[in-house]
Structures are given as C-alpha cells and as structure tokens.
Amino acid sequence: MHKVLIVESNVQYHQLISQSLARFDLNFVTTVEDAILKIKNNAFDCLLVDMNLPERSRLFFLNEVLNKDHTPVLCMGDSEDVADRVSVLDMGADDFLVKPFNPLEFRARVENKIRKSIRLKNDSQITAIGNMSIDHTRHRVLVRDGALELEVPVTQTEFKLLTCLARTPEQVYSREQLLASAWGDEAGVLERVVDVHICLLRKKLGEKCSHTVKALSGVGYKLTVNRKVSLGA
C-alpha cells in the first residue's frame, strides 16, 4: 500500500482526499512543522502540499522537500493564476492540482506520479527511509539535514549490515542472519563481531539520522526510529 503525506490546512478537504485515495495509507497534517516531523521519521511514496499554507512556511517546506530524492511532490491550490502554478513547477514540484478537483482525475494523477517515481527509484537502486538514503549502486549512505545531504562514512561491512536491516525496518534480525548477509560463507567469523560493527554503525548514523539500530537482548537487532530525532532533540 502506497504511503502518502498530505499537508492540508483545510480539514474539509481531508474527507474528499480520503475518498479519492481510499486504497492508500494516508497521513494528514495541517502544519509545516508536523509535516517535517513526519518526513524525518517515515518514508513516503508521495507528498501532497496545500498552497494555502502561510507563504513563508510553504516556501520553507518546498525548499526542504523538492529535488531531494525521487519522491513526487504534488501541490494543491485554488489559484487559477498561471504564473502561480508555473512558479511552483519551476521550483521542482511534479504537478499542480487546482481546487476543487475531480476525484477520479486527482487519483489518476497521484497514481501516475507514484508509478514514475517507483521506476526511477528502481533504476537508481536507492532505498529511502526517513531522512536516510542508501545508494546500492555507489555503496553510499546519505542523511538529509535540512537542505544538506551528509555522507555517512561506512565501511563495506557496515554497509552490508545496514542494507540487510533496511530491507524491513522494525523487523528483528538475528546475529546469524546478519553474519550471513555481511560475511556470507566466510568461516571463522564469530557472532560477537556483529556487535562490534553494529556499535560502530550506530555511532556513525548519529543523532541526525531519522533511524538507528536497536539491540534486543538475546534476540538480535532492528532498524528503528531514532527517538532523539523524533522528539526534536
């Protein structure tokens, strides 16, 4: 199920959007502050942004999310001024939907942008989780911090461990599973070696990354939300 974030200040539109995108996992917020918090802690397939938000907040949010990855951003507004629509598209938005919109056309446009985005992500082989991007082609890990993208200097082993954990966030992987993923059939590698590399990986991800690696005593490890980020620490 595709996950969509809707930044819409007019709650009357929430019901219309819910009916139009009934098959989607919808997350509604009414302020830019709440939207940024959601993006830090979740990976979305599409962003819908209300153009009736306060101008300063709206422009700040668009600068934060546009052109950062392949996630489509569709703007919604009641302005029929061509100049307004063109300015948003020039910033990098994928589409502009004029309110009130036809529910069928609205759904078709959203689905179309998500399909194109998925194809681009598959071609580039990038896994996006919260504000973290894992580039499988270049073996790079990037963390978005505001308008900046910071590279995390991981080793090949740490990259393999992170890639394994990122396949299914919140799923617990045993040391044995992580060993097989990072070292394959290599003999003589002790399970405790996993602990050392996970500890180093956790430190490198740091407090700016939306996700961290959590240990579950006697069970294994999982990639989970970094509460320090979600709480604004």
Foldseek 3Di string as FASTA:
>chain_A
DFEEEEADQDCVCVVLQCVLPVVYRYHYDPFLVVVLLDLQQFDGLEYEYEPPYPPVSRVLSLLQPAPPALRAYEYEYQDPPPVVQVVSVVSHHPYYHHPPHDSNVVSVVSVVSSVVSVVVCVVQVWDDGRQWIQRPVVRWIWGDDGNDIHTQPADQLLSQLVVVQSVDAPDFDALVRSCCRRPNPDPDDDSVVVVVSLVVSQVSCPLRHQWGWDADPPTGIHIHGRVSVSVVD
